[in-house]
Protein backbone atom coordinates (compact mmCIF):
# COMPACT_ATOMS: atom_id res chain seq x y z
CA MET A 1 67.57 85.73 90.46
CA PRO A 2 69.08 88.51 88.27
CA ASP A 3 72.16 87.70 86.22
CA PRO A 4 75.18 89.97 86.92
CA LEU A 5 75.67 90.27 83.17
CA ASP A 6 72.32 92.05 82.92
CA PHE A 7 73.73 95.10 84.70
CA ASP A 8 75.93 97.91 83.43
CA ALA A 9 78.76 98.67 85.87
CA HIS A 10 78.91 102.22 84.48
CA ALA A 11 75.18 103.01 84.89
CA THR A 12 74.05 105.93 87.04
CA PRO A 13 71.61 105.54 89.95
CA PRO A 14 67.98 106.71 89.75
CA GLN A 15 67.47 110.40 90.53
CA GLU A 16 65.17 109.63 93.45
CA LEU A 17 67.90 107.63 95.17
CA LYS A 18 70.45 110.35 94.42
CA ASN A 19 68.15 112.89 96.08
CA LEU A 20 67.72 110.61 99.09
CA PHE A 21 71.47 110.16 99.35
CA LYS A 22 72.05 113.92 99.24
CA SER A 23 69.43 114.55 101.91
CA TRP A 24 71.30 112.32 104.38
CA LYS A 25 74.66 114.06 103.93
CA GLY A 26 73.62 116.89 106.23
CA GLN A 27 73.29 117.06 109.98
CA LEU A 28 71.51 114.16 111.64
CA THR A 29 68.37 115.61 113.25
CA PRO A 30 66.88 114.11 116.45
CA GLU A 31 63.82 112.96 114.49
CA ARG A 32 65.90 111.18 111.88
CA ASP A 33 68.04 109.65 114.61
CA ARG A 34 64.92 108.24 116.27
CA ASN A 35 63.68 106.87 112.96
CA LEU A 36 67.01 105.15 112.34
CA ASN A 37 66.92 103.52 115.76
CA GLU A 38 63.42 102.20 115.05
CA THR A 39 64.25 100.76 111.62
CA LEU A 40 65.40 97.38 112.88
CA PHE A 41 62.27 96.91 114.99
CA LYS A 42 60.18 97.23 111.82
CA MET A 43 62.04 94.37 110.14
CA LEU A 44 61.24 90.70 110.38
CA ARG A 45 63.41 88.54 112.61
CA LEU A 46 64.04 85.67 110.24
CA ASP A 47 66.56 83.45 111.93
CA SER A 48 69.54 83.28 114.25
CA ILE A 49 72.93 81.63 114.15
CA PRO A 50 73.07 79.00 116.93
CA ASN A 51 75.05 80.05 120.00
CA HIS A 52 77.32 77.02 119.97
CA ARG A 53 78.20 77.72 116.34
CA LEU A 54 79.04 81.37 117.05
CA ASP A 55 81.20 80.36 120.00
CA GLU A 56 83.13 77.93 117.81
CA ILE A 57 83.61 80.44 114.97
CA PHE A 58 84.81 83.29 117.18
CA ASN A 59 87.11 81.12 119.30
CA THR A 60 88.74 79.71 116.17
CA PHE A 61 89.39 83.22 114.89
CA SER A 62 90.73 84.58 118.20
CA ASP A 63 94.49 85.00 118.43
CA ASP A 64 94.68 82.96 121.64
CA GLY A 65 92.02 80.42 120.69
CA LYS A 66 89.50 81.59 123.30
CA ASP A 67 87.41 84.74 122.96
CA SER A 68 85.91 85.40 126.40
CA ASP A 69 84.07 88.50 125.17
CA ALA A 70 82.46 86.44 122.44
CA ALA A 71 81.46 83.68 124.86
CA GLU A 72 79.80 86.19 127.19
CA GLN A 73 78.02 88.00 124.37
CA VAL A 74 76.81 84.75 122.84
CA ALA A 75 75.63 83.46 126.24
CA LEU A 76 73.60 86.64 126.76
CA GLY A 77 71.98 86.26 123.36
CA LEU A 78 73.37 89.60 122.18
CA THR A 79 74.56 88.37 118.80
CA GLY A 80 73.48 86.13 115.94
CA SER A 81 69.98 87.43 115.18
CA VAL A 82 69.13 87.82 111.49
CA TYR A 83 66.62 90.47 110.36
CA GLY A 84 65.18 90.84 106.86
CA SER A 85 63.97 93.89 104.97
CA GLN A 86 60.53 93.89 103.35
CA ASN A 87 61.40 96.93 101.23
CA VAL A 88 64.56 95.41 99.77
CA PRO A 89 64.08 91.63 99.46
CA GLY A 90 67.22 89.66 100.24
CA LEU A 91 68.72 92.34 102.49
CA LEU A 92 69.71 90.75 105.80
CA ILE A 93 70.93 92.67 108.86
CA LEU A 94 72.88 91.00 111.67
CA PRO A 95 73.30 93.64 114.41
CA SER A 96 76.23 93.31 116.84
CA LEU A 97 77.31 90.12 115.10
CA LEU A 98 81.01 90.43 115.93
CA PRO A 99 81.90 90.71 119.64
CA PRO A 100 84.46 93.38 120.69
CA ALA A 101 87.45 91.01 120.89
CA THR A 102 86.68 89.60 117.44
CA GLN A 103 86.40 93.12 116.05
CA LYS A 104 89.81 94.03 117.48
CA THR A 105 91.43 90.89 116.09
CA LEU A 106 89.90 91.49 112.66
CA LEU A 107 90.98 95.15 112.67
CA SER A 108 94.55 94.21 113.58
CA HIS A 109 94.72 91.55 110.87
CA LEU A 110 93.46 93.98 108.24
CA LEU A 111 95.57 97.03 109.12
CA HIS A 112 98.70 95.57 110.73
CA ARG A 113 99.17 92.47 108.57
CA ASP A 114 97.22 92.65 105.31
CA LEU A 115 97.85 96.33 104.55
CA SER A 116 101.60 95.61 104.72
CA ASN A 117 101.35 92.81 102.15
CA SER A 118 102.39 94.21 98.77
CA ASP A 119 100.03 91.79 97.00
CA HIS A 120 97.12 93.84 98.32
CA LYS A 121 96.83 97.05 96.31
CA THR A 122 95.40 100.35 97.55
CA ASN A 123 94.08 103.56 96.02
CA LEU A 124 97.57 105.05 96.52
CA HIS A 125 99.30 102.55 94.22
CA LEU A 126 98.01 104.30 91.10
CA HIS A 127 100.14 107.39 91.74
CA TYR A 128 102.73 106.24 94.30
CA HIS A 129 105.58 103.84 94.83
CA VAL A 130 105.10 102.32 98.27
CA ASP A 131 108.01 101.70 100.64
CA TYR A 132 106.79 98.78 102.72
CA PRO A 133 108.08 98.18 106.26
CA ASP A 134 110.76 95.51 106.66
CA ARG A 135 109.54 91.92 107.10
CA GLN A 136 105.96 93.04 106.40
CA ALA A 137 105.80 94.84 109.73
CA SER A 138 102.83 97.11 110.32
CA PHE A 139 102.83 100.63 108.90
CA PHE A 140 101.89 101.64 112.44
CA CYS A 141 105.41 100.60 113.51
CA SER A 142 106.75 103.47 111.39
CA PRO A 143 107.27 107.00 112.72
CA PRO A 144 104.35 109.16 111.57
CA SER A 145 106.79 111.53 109.84
CA ALA A 146 108.45 108.81 107.74
CA ILE A 147 108.09 109.15 103.96
CA ALA A 148 106.63 105.86 102.69
CA PHE A 149 104.72 106.92 99.57
CA ARG A 150 106.84 108.38 96.78
CA PRO A 151 105.04 109.89 93.77
CA LYS A 152 105.43 108.35 90.33
CA ASP A 153 105.18 111.90 88.96
CA PRO A 154 106.58 114.41 91.51
CA ALA A 155 105.31 117.28 89.38
CA VAL A 156 101.74 116.18 90.04
CA HIS A 157 101.72 114.53 93.47
CA PRO A 158 103.72 115.27 96.62
CA SER A 159 105.45 112.65 98.72
CA LEU A 160 103.32 111.34 101.57
CA THR A 161 104.30 110.59 105.12
CA VAL A 162 102.87 107.55 106.86
CA LYS A 163 100.74 109.93 108.94
CA ALA A 164 99.30 111.68 105.86
CA ALA A 165 98.45 108.34 104.29
CA LEU A 166 96.89 106.70 107.33
CA GLU A 167 95.03 109.79 108.50
CA LYS A 168 93.27 110.64 105.26
CA LYS A 169 94.85 109.70 101.92
CA LEU A 170 94.44 105.93 102.22
CA ARG A 171 90.84 105.23 101.24
CA TRP A 172 90.77 101.55 100.34
CA ALA A 173 92.77 98.36 100.05
CA THR A 174 91.92 95.16 98.20
CA LEU A 175 92.26 91.58 99.43
CA GLY A 176 92.26 88.53 97.18
CA GLY A 177 90.88 89.47 93.76
CA GLN A 178 92.36 92.85 92.79
CA TYR A 179 89.52 94.86 91.27
CA ASP A 180 90.33 97.16 88.34
CA TRP A 181 88.48 100.34 89.26
CA THR A 182 89.07 101.99 85.87
CA ASN A 183 87.63 99.21 83.73
CA LYS A 184 85.41 97.81 86.49
CA VAL A 185 86.52 94.22 86.00
CA TYR A 186 88.59 91.61 87.81
CA PRO A 187 91.87 90.69 86.07
CA ALA A 188 91.92 87.32 84.33
CA GLU A 189 95.11 86.14 86.06
CA ALA A 190 94.99 84.21 89.32
CA PRO A 191 94.44 86.58 92.26
CA PRO A 192 96.54 86.78 95.42
CA ARG A 193 95.44 84.42 98.16
CA PHE A 194 92.58 85.72 100.27
CA PRO A 195 93.62 85.82 103.98
CA PRO A 196 92.67 82.30 105.13
CA ASP A 197 91.75 83.18 108.72
CA ILE A 198 89.39 85.95 107.62
CA ALA A 199 87.95 83.64 104.95
CA GLN A 200 87.31 80.98 107.59
CA LEU A 201 85.58 83.49 109.87
CA LEU A 202 83.27 84.74 107.11
CA ARG A 203 82.66 81.29 105.66
CA GLY A 204 81.50 80.12 109.07
CA LEU A 205 79.07 83.02 109.44
CA PHE A 206 77.93 83.15 105.80
CA PRO A 207 78.30 79.64 104.32
CA ASP A 208 76.46 80.52 101.10
CA MET A 209 79.38 82.69 99.93
CA GLU A 210 83.04 81.79 99.36
CA PRO A 211 85.27 84.78 100.27
CA GLU A 212 87.47 85.47 97.24
CA ALA A 213 87.77 89.25 97.00
CA ALA A 214 87.33 92.13 99.41
CA ILE A 215 87.58 95.87 99.56
CA VAL A 216 88.60 97.41 102.87
CA ASN A 217 87.21 100.96 102.93
CA LEU A 218 88.69 103.49 105.37
CA TYR A 219 86.47 106.43 106.29
CA SER A 220 86.83 109.62 108.32
CA PRO A 221 84.00 112.06 109.15
CA GLY A 222 83.14 113.95 105.97
CA ASP A 223 83.90 110.98 103.72
CA THR A 224 81.18 109.32 101.66
CA LEU A 225 80.76 106.33 99.36
CA SER A 226 78.72 107.19 96.28
CA LEU A 227 75.71 105.13 95.25
CA HIS A 228 76.78 102.14 93.18
CA ARG A 229 76.01 98.51 92.39
CA ASP A 230 78.46 95.62 92.73
CA VAL A 231 77.89 93.89 89.40
CA SER A 232 81.37 92.89 88.20
CA GLU A 233 81.35 89.42 89.73
CA GLU A 234 80.39 86.45 87.55
CA VAL A 235 78.11 84.94 90.19
CA ASP A 236 75.11 86.13 92.16
CA ARG A 237 76.30 84.84 95.54
CA GLY A 238 75.59 87.14 98.46
CA LEU A 239 77.81 90.06 99.40
CA VAL A 240 79.00 90.53 103.01
CA SER A 241 79.66 93.91 104.64
CA VAL A 242 81.17 94.20 108.14
CA SER A 243 81.41 97.52 110.02
CA LEU A 244 84.16 98.49 112.48
CA GLY A 245 84.54 101.79 114.33
CA CYS A 246 82.31 104.84 113.93
CA ASP A 247 78.64 104.56 112.95
CA ALA A 248 77.63 105.14 109.34
CA ILE A 249 74.42 105.93 107.50
CA PHE A 250 73.85 103.27 104.85
CA ILE A 251 71.34 103.65 102.01
CA ILE A 252 70.23 100.79 99.79
CA GLY A 253 67.46 100.79 97.19
CA LEU A 254 65.87 99.06 94.21
CA GLN A 255 63.94 100.42 91.26
CA ASP A 256 61.02 98.42 89.90
CA LYS A 257 61.69 97.75 86.21
CA THR A 258 58.00 98.02 85.32
CA THR A 259 56.70 100.92 87.40
CA GLY A 260 59.94 102.77 88.15
CA ALA A 261 58.98 102.87 91.84
CA ILE A 262 61.83 103.04 94.35
CA ARG A 263 61.97 100.86 97.46
CA HIS A 264 64.74 101.57 99.92
CA GLU A 265 66.12 101.29 103.42
CA VAL A 266 68.17 103.79 105.41
CA LEU A 267 70.18 102.10 108.17
CA ARG A 268 72.52 103.18 110.92
CA LEU A 269 75.34 100.65 110.94
CA ARG A 270 77.37 100.29 114.13
CA SER A 271 80.65 98.59 114.94
CA GLY A 272 80.24 94.82 114.80
CA ASP A 273 77.15 94.94 112.58
CA ALA A 274 77.07 92.84 109.41
CA VAL A 275 74.94 93.16 106.29
CA PHE A 276 74.32 90.32 103.82
CA MET A 277 73.03 91.37 100.40
CA SER A 278 71.41 88.41 98.64
CA GLY A 279 68.58 87.88 96.16
CA GLN A 280 67.31 91.16 94.74
CA ALA A 281 69.41 93.10 97.25
CA ARG A 282 72.62 91.66 95.79
CA PHE A 283 72.46 94.07 92.87
CA ALA A 284 70.76 96.98 94.63
CA TRP A 285 72.08 100.51 94.59
CA HIS A 286 73.82 101.31 97.86
CA GLY A 287 76.12 103.90 99.38
CA VAL A 288 77.26 105.72 102.51
CA PRO A 289 76.29 109.41 102.68
CA LYS A 290 77.58 110.08 106.18
CA ILE A 291 80.02 108.96 108.88
CA LEU A 292 78.93 109.96 112.38
CA PRO A 293 81.91 111.43 114.29
CA GLY A 294 82.58 110.51 117.89
CA THR A 295 80.65 107.22 117.73
CA CYS A 296 83.50 104.71 117.79
CA PRO A 297 82.89 102.40 120.78
CA ASP A 298 85.28 102.71 123.72
CA TYR A 299 86.71 99.23 123.24
CA LEU A 300 88.04 100.21 119.79
CA SER A 301 88.68 103.94 120.12
CA ASP A 302 92.26 103.69 121.45
CA TRP A 303 93.34 101.18 118.75
CA PRO A 304 96.16 100.42 117.94
CA GLY A 305 96.69 100.98 121.66
CA THR A 306 99.63 101.40 123.99
CA ASP A 307 101.98 99.25 121.90
CA PHE A 308 101.92 102.05 119.30
CA PRO A 309 101.97 105.23 121.43
CA GLU A 310 102.42 107.58 118.47
CA TRP A 311 99.21 106.21 116.96
CA LYS A 312 97.08 105.80 120.09
CA ASN A 313 93.41 106.72 119.48
CA TRP A 314 93.87 106.57 115.70
CA MET A 315 90.64 104.61 115.46
CA SER A 316 88.57 107.04 117.55
CA ASN A 317 87.24 108.89 114.49
CA LYS A 318 87.52 106.17 111.85
CA ARG A 319 85.19 103.67 110.25
CA ILE A 320 86.55 100.55 108.57
CA ASN A 321 84.26 98.55 106.32
CA LEU A 322 85.13 95.08 105.06
CA ASN A 323 83.15 94.30 101.92
CA VAL A 324 83.54 90.71 100.72
CA ARG A 325 82.28 88.82 97.69
CA GLN A 326 82.71 85.68 95.63
CA MET A 327 84.02 86.33 92.12
CA ARG A 328 83.36 83.11 90.26
CA GLU A 329 81.88 79.63 90.69
């Protein structure tokens, strides 16, 4: 197993992977779409999470203690299968892992509750003072025209309405360990508490990893995530990635240290899919060259729903990715 200290967080990806990434930023052709849909069938089905265990995990996480969607999906055998990549050892794919109701609960926890917690920093905090809603209410309770992000330097940055922030400007939020993006390290001081219900959900599904830090990425069509490696953690425990909303193209690859040869996978990740990067895959280059517009499933597309009429259908052209890791032993 590689040691995280062996990797440079500031290194640049191999040119071959950069070329591959660039080639997937364009229009998705029918041939490429077919190839993406066949990728999973070429992988090895390694294992599955037992149905009774899934039922228990999802019901515990559900707001009302019983997730009927999850029970039906588990009973039909539509969730819990684990597939492994031969090209990128240690890369595990769990398609449709989270049932619709679990996805909606997770999305609401992340964007109604956790985003309104001032302990959880965002990309906007670097340049803005944030006016949080009273009593940690959801930002979606605010009128879209309300000014909630006031620039630290008005000569450089304009004030932002809630609508401007939530529609495009807000790109990520951190949970638990607050990553320093400039120096690419975790601060030495004790981090804010990781949301315990989300930690329990992920711990149940991925017991080899203790959820301590997460990045919640918010994407719109046209957004990308550049190729990078997650190498700032002090342990080599697996990394969990959960997709919500629109489909995304996901690229992950390794370069052989001896021959320089590149091995990679290109995946289409859908809402409810989970990826577990362990072994060699834990420190692989990975990124998102494309978000596919109009692919958010119907059960999520009207989120946050009728309780927030000014924001109805906000999710219809969004992708939310929850990327979780353990920082230290």
